[in-house]
Each structure stands twice: as structure tokens, then as C-alpha cells.
C-alpha atoms as a PDB file:
ATOM      1  CA  MET A   1      -0.782  10.441  16.753  1.00  0.00           C
ATOM      2  CA  GLY A   2      -3.921  11.166  14.776  1.00  0.00           C
ATOM      3  CA  TYR A   3      -7.545  10.206  14.696  1.00  0.00           C
ATOM      4  CA  THR A   4      -7.381   6.437  14.197  1.00  0.00           C
ATOM      5  CA  HIS A   5      -9.544   3.340  13.924  1.00  0.00           C
ATOM      6  CA  TYR A   6      -8.129   0.011  15.087  1.00  0.00           C
ATOM      7  CA  TRP A   7      -9.015  -3.589  14.450  1.00  0.00           C
ATOM      8  CA  THR A   8      -7.636  -6.937  15.501  1.00  0.00           C
ATOM      9  CA  ILE A   9      -8.290 -10.073  13.509  1.00  0.00           C
ATOM     10  CA  THR A  10      -8.023 -13.262  15.528  1.00  0.00           C
ATOM     11  CA  PRO A  11      -5.287 -15.484  14.095  1.00  0.00           C
ATOM     12  CA  HIS A  12      -6.993 -18.357  12.313  1.00  0.00           C
ATOM     13  CA  VAL A  13      -6.925 -20.367   9.126  1.00  0.00           C
ATOM     14  CA  PRO A  14      -9.062 -18.292   6.747  1.00  0.00           C
ATOM     15  CA  GLU A  15     -12.015 -20.030   5.174  1.00  0.00           C
ATOM     16  CA  PRO A  16     -12.133 -19.872   1.370  1.00  0.00           C
ATOM     17  CA  ASN A  17     -13.693 -16.555   0.356  1.00  0.00           C
ATOM     18  CA  GLU A  18     -13.980 -15.489   4.012  1.00  0.00           C
ATOM     19  CA  LEU A  19     -13.564 -11.870   3.009  1.00  0.00           C
ATOM     20  CA  ALA A  20     -15.795 -12.138  -0.081  1.00  0.00           C
ATOM     21  CA  GLY A  21     -18.930 -10.940   1.728  1.00  0.00           C
ATOM     22  CA  VAL A  22     -17.050  -8.044   3.297  1.00  0.00           C
ATOM     23  CA  ALA A  23     -15.632  -7.138  -0.132  1.00  0.00           C
ATOM     24  CA  GLU A  24     -19.165  -7.149  -1.593  1.00  0.00           C
ATOM     25  CA  ASP A  25     -20.291  -4.897   1.248  1.00  0.00           C
ATOM     26  CA  ALA A  26     -17.313  -2.562   0.707  1.00  0.00           C
ATOM     27  CA  ALA A  27     -18.133  -2.226  -2.993  1.00  0.00           C
ATOM     28  CA  LYS A  28     -21.767  -1.402  -2.153  1.00  0.00           C
ATOM     29  CA  ILE A  29     -20.701   1.087   0.519  1.00  0.00           C
ATOM     30  CA  ILE A  30     -18.296   2.873  -1.834  1.00  0.00           C
ATOM     31  CA  ALA A  31     -20.933   2.974  -4.586  1.00  0.00           C
ATOM     32  CA  ALA A  32     -23.552   4.386  -2.192  1.00  0.00           C
ATOM     33  CA  SER A  33     -21.190   6.954  -0.694  1.00  0.00           C
ATOM     34  CA  GLU A  34     -21.047  10.531  -1.918  1.00  0.00           C
ATOM     35  CA  ILE A  35     -17.366  10.641  -0.889  1.00  0.00           C
ATOM     36  CA  ALA A  36     -14.669  10.417  -3.579  1.00  0.00           C
ATOM     37  CA  ILE A  37     -12.914   7.103  -2.877  1.00  0.00           C
ATOM     38  CA  ARG A  38      -9.690   6.223  -4.661  1.00  0.00           C
ATOM     39  CA  GLY A  39      -6.983   3.589  -4.525  1.00  0.00           C
ATOM     40  CA  GLY A  40      -4.654   3.143  -1.573  1.00  0.00           C
ATOM     41  CA  HIS A  41      -2.401   6.061  -2.509  1.00  0.00           C
ATOM     42  CA  GLY A  42      -5.307   8.466  -3.042  1.00  0.00           C
ATOM     43  CA  SER A  43      -5.463   7.978  -6.813  1.00  0.00           C
ATOM     44  CA  GLY A  44      -6.794   5.405  -9.227  1.00  0.00           C
ATOM     45  CA  GLU A  45      -9.564   2.995  -8.371  1.00  0.00           C
ATOM     46  CA  PRO A  46     -10.112   1.308  -5.014  1.00  0.00           C
ATOM     47  CA  ASP A  47      -8.922  -2.317  -4.910  1.00  0.00           C
ATOM     48  CA  ILE A  48     -11.821  -4.428  -3.688  1.00  0.00           C
ATOM     49  CA  SER A  49     -11.590  -8.202  -4.041  1.00  0.00           C
ATOM     50  CA  PRO A  50     -12.249 -11.380  -2.021  1.00  0.00           C
ATOM     51  CA  THR A  51      -8.596 -11.261  -0.918  1.00  0.00           C
ATOM     52  CA  GLY A  52      -8.461  -7.657   0.249  1.00  0.00           C
ATOM     53  CA  ILE A  53      -9.968  -4.208   0.498  1.00  0.00           C
ATOM     54  CA  HIS A  54      -7.694  -1.212  -0.136  1.00  0.00           C
ATOM     55  CA  PHE A  55      -8.782   2.401  -0.554  1.00  0.00           C
ATOM     56  CA  ASN A  56      -8.195   5.998   0.485  1.00  0.00           C
ATOM     57  CA  GLY A  57      -9.737   9.411   0.014  1.00  0.00           C
ATOM     58  CA  ASP A  58      -9.054  11.487  -3.089  1.00  0.00           C
ATOM     59  CA  ASP A  59      -5.566  13.008  -3.024  1.00  0.00           C
ATOM     60  CA  THR A  60      -6.424  15.636  -5.645  1.00  0.00           C
ATOM     61  CA  LEU A  61      -9.074  16.994  -3.262  1.00  0.00           C
ATOM     62  CA  ASP A  62      -6.669  16.798  -0.291  1.00  0.00           C
ATOM     63  CA  GLU A  63      -9.026  14.190   1.222  1.00  0.00           C
ATOM     64  CA  SER A  64      -6.596  11.271   1.474  1.00  0.00           C
ATOM     65  CA  TYR A  65      -4.532  10.365   4.491  1.00  0.00           C
ATOM     66  CA  GLU A  66      -3.639   6.779   5.295  1.00  0.00           C
ATOM     67  CA  SER A  67      -4.685   3.826   3.186  1.00  0.00           C
ATOM     68  CA  PHE A  68      -7.383   1.520   4.551  1.00  0.00           C
ATOM     69  CA  ASP A  69      -6.185  -2.071   4.121  1.00  0.00           C
ATOM     70  CA  LEU A  70      -8.206  -5.067   5.282  1.00  0.00           C
ATOM     71  CA  THR A  71      -7.152  -8.574   4.339  1.00  0.00           C
ATOM     72  CA  VAL A  72      -7.763 -11.903   6.028  1.00  0.00           C
ATOM     73  CA  ASP A  73      -4.041 -12.608   6.137  1.00  0.00           C
ATOM     74  CA  LEU A  74      -3.435  -9.493   8.246  1.00  0.00           C
ATOM     75  CA  SER A  75      -4.144 -11.306  11.488  1.00  0.00           C
ATOM     76  CA  GLY A  76      -3.379  -9.377  14.599  1.00  0.00           C
ATOM     77  CA  PHE A  77      -3.479  -5.647  15.246  1.00  0.00           C
ATOM     78  CA  ASN A  78      -4.160  -3.210  12.385  1.00  0.00           C
ATOM     79  CA  PHE A  79      -5.160   0.438  12.129  1.00  0.00           C
ATOM     80  CA  CYS A  80      -6.012   3.275   9.774  1.00  0.00           C
ATOM     81  CA  LYS A  81      -5.431   6.941  10.558  1.00  0.00           C
ATOM     82  CA  THR A  82      -8.019   9.017   8.705  1.00  0.00           C
ATOM     83  CA  ALA A  83      -7.504  12.390  10.409  1.00  0.00           C
ATOM     84  CA  GLN A  84     -11.321  12.571  10.191  1.00  0.00           C
ATOM     85  CA  ARG A  85     -11.112  13.370   6.491  1.00  0.00           C
ATOM     86  CA  PRO A  86     -14.273  12.684   4.480  1.00  0.00           C
ATOM     87  CA  TYR A  87     -13.338   9.061   3.638  1.00  0.00           C
ATOM     88  CA  ASP A  88     -13.549   8.298   7.384  1.00  0.00           C
ATOM     89  CA  VAL A  89     -17.276   7.678   6.865  1.00  0.00           C
ATOM     90  CA  VAL A  90     -16.491   4.907   4.371  1.00  0.00           C
ATOM     91  CA  VAL A  91     -13.800   3.426   6.653  1.00  0.00           C
ATOM     92  CA  THR A  92     -16.203   3.198   9.578  1.00  0.00           C
ATOM     93  CA  ALA A  93     -18.966   1.796   7.360  1.00  0.00           C
ATOM     94  CA  VAL A  94     -16.682  -0.955   6.019  1.00  0.00           C
ATOM     95  CA  LEU A  95     -15.423  -1.792   9.509  1.00  0.00           C
ATOM     96  CA  LEU A  96     -18.985  -2.087  10.841  1.00  0.00           C
ATOM     97  CA  ALA A  97     -19.980  -4.302   7.903  1.00  0.00           C
ATOM     98  CA  ALA A  98     -16.867  -6.440   8.514  1.00  0.00           C
ATOM     99  CA  LYS A  99     -17.790  -6.791  12.194  1.00  0.00           C
ATOM    100  CA  ASP A 100     -21.301  -7.809  11.196  1.00  0.00           C
ATOM    101  CA  ARG A 101     -19.971 -10.504   8.849  1.00  0.00           C
ATOM    102  CA  LEU A 102     -16.922 -11.733  10.766  1.00  0.00           C
ATOM    103  CA  GLY A 103     -18.337 -11.511  14.281  1.00  0.00           C
ATOM    104  CA  SER A 104     -15.850 -12.472  16.979  1.00  0.00           C
ATOM    105  CA  LEU A 105     -13.007 -12.899  14.443  1.00  0.00           C
ATOM    106  CA  ILE A 106     -12.596  -9.106  14.376  1.00  0.00           C
ATOM    107  CA  ALA A 107     -12.518  -6.640  17.257  1.00  0.00           C
ATOM    108  CA  LEU A 108     -12.878  -2.920  16.543  1.00  0.00           C
ATOM    109  CA  SER A 109     -11.938   0.165  18.510  1.00  0.00           C
ATOM    110  CA  SER A 110     -11.403   3.827  17.738  1.00  0.00           C
ATOM    111  CA  ASP A 111     -10.246   7.196  18.923  1.00  0.00           C
ATOM    112  CA  GLY A 112     -13.769   8.344  18.056  1.00  0.00           C
ATOM    113  CA  ASP A 113     -17.020   8.316  19.951  1.00  0.00           C
ATOM    114  CA  PRO A 114     -20.440   6.997  18.871  1.00  0.00           C
ATOM    115  CA  VAL A 115     -21.330  10.297  17.184  1.00  0.00           C
ATOM    116  CA  ASP A 116     -18.200   9.955  15.019  1.00  0.00           C
ATOM    117  CA  TRP A 117     -19.449   6.567  13.743  1.00  0.00           C
ATOM    118  CA  ALA A 118     -23.103   7.534  13.162  1.00  0.00           C
ATOM    119  CA  ALA A 119     -22.741   8.483   9.488  1.00  0.00           C
ATOM    120  CA  GLY A 120     -20.725   5.320   8.793  1.00  0.00           C
ATOM    121  CA  LEU A 121     -23.337   3.199  10.533  1.00  0.00           C
ATOM    122  CA  ASN A 122     -26.124   4.761   8.495  1.00  0.00           C
ATOM    123  CA  LEU A 123     -24.136   4.278   5.289  1.00  0.00           C
ATOM    124  CA  ALA A 124     -23.366   0.620   6.102  1.00  0.00           C
ATOM    125  CA  ARG A 125     -26.996  -0.150   6.883  1.00  0.00           C
ATOM    126  CA  ARG A 126     -28.322   1.660   3.812  1.00  0.00           C
ATOM    127  CA  ALA A 127     -25.755   0.317   1.336  1.00  0.00           C
ATOM    128  CA  THR A 128     -25.884  -3.320   2.475  1.00  0.00           C
ATOM    129  CA  GLY A 129     -29.615  -3.457   3.171  1.00  0.00           C
ATOM    130  CA  ARG A 130     -28.867  -4.878   6.635  1.00  0.00           C
ATOM    131  CA  PRO A 131     -30.537  -2.580   9.194  1.00  0.00           C
ATOM    132  CA  GLY A 132     -29.360  -4.840  12.035  1.00  0.00           C
ATOM    133  CA  ILE A 133     -25.676  -3.923  11.711  1.00  0.00           C
ATOM    134  CA  ALA A 134     -24.546  -3.043  15.241  1.00  0.00           C
ATOM    135  CA  GLY A 135     -23.308   0.427  16.007  1.00  0.00           C
ATOM    136  CA  PHE A 136     -20.530   1.917  18.039  1.00  0.00           C
ATOM    137  CA  VAL A 137     -20.847   1.735  21.828  1.00  0.00           C
ATOM    138  CA  PHE A 138     -18.823   3.333  24.566  1.00  0.00           C
ATOM    139  CA  GLN A 139     -17.901   1.206  27.542  1.00  0.00           C
ATOM    140  CA  ALA A 140     -16.123   3.366  30.099  1.00  0.00           C
ATOM    141  CA  SER A 141     -14.192   0.485  31.615  1.00  0.00           C
ATOM    142  CA  LEU A 142     -12.992  -0.812  28.228  1.00  0.00           C
ATOM    143  CA  GLY A 143     -12.588   2.371  26.243  1.00  0.00           C
ATOM    144  CA  ASN A 144     -14.216   2.902  22.870  1.00  0.00           C
ATOM    145  CA  THR A 145     -15.323  -0.380  21.307  1.00  0.00           C
ATOM    146  CA  VAL A 146     -17.604  -1.371  18.491  1.00  0.00           C
ATOM    147  CA  GLY A 147     -20.503  -3.784  18.797  1.00  0.00           C
ATOM    148  CA  ALA A 148     -22.007  -5.218  21.898  1.00  0.00           C
END
């Protein structure tokens, strides 16, 4: 086991370009981040498109771990182990932006606590220009969940 973020996408028929807004947010978040973000294997460029978002930390800096992969066709349970490496901030920012856009279609949880999501929340709000993006909350009876 390692430090992990989890998400579940409700099975549904995706709307055309459903992920397009999240992809735009991800591109803005990566551009605004001071973290070196690479492609899914820790090298090359991140793959951000209306059909999917795939990135990792920089392998040459020993900042990569597990690839972050978010696509609308990945309905059901998904996760990304970051081992709290620097790209974790970008992962949490993208997940919070996705929750803001997709609402009840995506449920988020994490091994982390609210303090672990604070930098990602700030990055998501700053990069997208949406100060109303909801943050991480802890509900003792439900475990760690995101959004209220």
C-alpha cells in the first residue's frame, strides 16, 4: 500500500466532450504549477485531451510514481498512488477541478487529510479562476471524502 487517491465515476453514457472542461482545467493547472509534470511514464509531455488526462511526475528527478489516468470511459473505481511525491499537488488539483465540473458523476476519497489537499485546492482555484471549488472534508463516519 502507499499514499493513494481514489475516485469512482458513476457508470453512464458520456456526453460528447464531457471531459473537455476537465481537460482544459488540467492543462491550466499543469501550466500554473511549479512542479515538473511529464507523460504517464514520467517522461515526455503530459497527454491532456477531451478524451483523457494522463500524467506523472518527472522520472529524471525521481519525482514520478504511478501515472494519473482519468478518462470518461473508466467508469467505476480508479486510483493513483503518488507516494506524496511533488506531483501529488497536481493530482489533487485536477481531481478537485473534476469534482467541481462533474459533480455527482465522480466521488473522491483519499488516504490523505484536508491539510494534504490544501496546496492542490489552492492550485486548482488559482489556475482555473474558480474560487468556489470545494475542498477536502473529513467525515469521521465515512472516512476521508472530498466535497460536501
